[in-house]
Amino acid sequence: MRILVVDDETNIRNLICTYLELEHFETDSAENGLSAQRLLTEHTYDAVLLDLKMPGMDGLELLQWIRHEGFRMPVIMISAHGEIPDAVAALKEGAQDYLTKPFDVEELLIRLTSLIENYHLKNRIETDTDVDKINQLLVGSSKPIQQIKQVISKISDSMATVLITGESGTGKEVVARQIHQQGKNPLSPFVAVNIGGVPGNLLESELFGYEKGAFTGANNRKNGMFELANGGTLFLDEIGDMPMELQVKLLRVLQERKMNRLGGVQPIPIDARIIAATNRNVEEMVREGTFREDLFYRINVVRIVIPPLRERKEDIPLLAADIVRKLNRKMGLSIQGLSVDALKALKEHPFYGNVRELENILERAMIFSTSDTLKIEDITLTGVKLHETDNDGSSPGINSIDDAKSLKDIEQEAIIRALHRWEGNRTKAAKELGISRRGLINKINDYDLDI
């Protein structure tokens, strides 16, 4: 964790920095407000210790600038005067705490650590408010899942870049979260970005942020996802959908561990683990020239391949039990489990949509069930492949009771139902269908659907 100490008294600055460094913090120091402004634009800090009375720009003026520029880290104001109006003014301007000189350095450490932990936790909640997502773990006892868990335990403490591959709905984000949760600081931010779900013209500013005035409408500085993930994990889902021009910028960030906001000139250090995921064949994309080979080798330091659910059906009972438990809490129900016949039907199902399809089947069954046990008559199985291509690159097919219908009819019905369910939200509808947002838009255009 990195702290900025701003104080015009050299002895005070050196004392605080020395003590914090002994407690394994990184520190920078500034003797005035202008120097502090420069450092704040060049680096990312977890907290600022700020003297109230300084020549030139005083602490309150600097605090106002910090908040106006969009910096959100906690600020502790320090003053030799200890006057109540000063403390009130500092807190009104956005300081999180106020200390009077001379102060106990151990008390400073306690307050500082608490504020930083709360700041990281708040960031984490703001970037993902789904409790089940935050707390979920990789469920399964099959050999492939056990092997994945072993890999996670070996790499969780390192900063190695990880590439997770597997079909849509297999649980790539679950694996990414478990890597993060087993790391050194599980309360640090976990920031997830769905590359395929962000329009290309907005993706760069979402990832890298921008300076005030960088373009029309940029009225304030915005921190990008890389900065929000500092100290934690940045999860780049659907990395295969990243435009080539941004692949170049991502490669530079991974090489240099620094980035620039749009419109910015000072490089900002990046201290986040990068985990990428895709359901596409990245090696094939490299051969086709649609994915940079040098970037592939940068993100493919550690590779985790998640097998489809149909290849690890012994995990279905555990997965079903976990899903029912979460849905009970979400829906206010008390379903106890599944009957033997219902579980047998699930084990015989091909699950082209993988775990996501299992979740949808069980949620639908729980909505219509009239008892505390899900029975075979509650389970509706369609077996429709909605993936854009199979693993071998062939066109999608159907293995179901609906074979009499054309693929076009079935896909159109599924797309229309999903879009109505999500009130036209294409990103959420695409996630339910197990395809990318871009793939859904292409299908809407291909079928000329007026939705």
Foldseek 3Di string as FASTA:
>chain_A
DEEEEEALDPVVQVVLCVVVVVVVYHYDYHNDLVVVVVVVQFEFHQEYEAEQDHPDQGRLNSLLVCVQQPPDHAYEYEYQPPDPVSVVSNVVSPHPYYYHPPDDSVVVVVVSVVRSLVVQLVLQCVQPVDPCLLPPADFFDDPLSVVLVVVLLVPLADLAFEEEEAAFQLQPSNSVSSSQCNYPDVSGHEHEDEQLQDPLVCVQCQAAWAADPLDPPSNHTDHHPQSSRAVTAYEYEAVLPHAPVVLVQVLVCLVVQWHAHRVGDHTYHGHHRYYYYHHDDVVVCCVVVRHPPSSCVRNHPDYRYRYACLVRLNRVQRLQVVLVVVVCVVVVHQQPEEDPQLSVVVSPANPLNGSLVVSVQSNQLVVPDPDSYRYNVSGDDAQFHPECADPVRHGGDGDGPVNVDDNLVVVVVLLVVLCVVVVNSLCRSCSSSRYGSVVSVVSCVVNVPDD
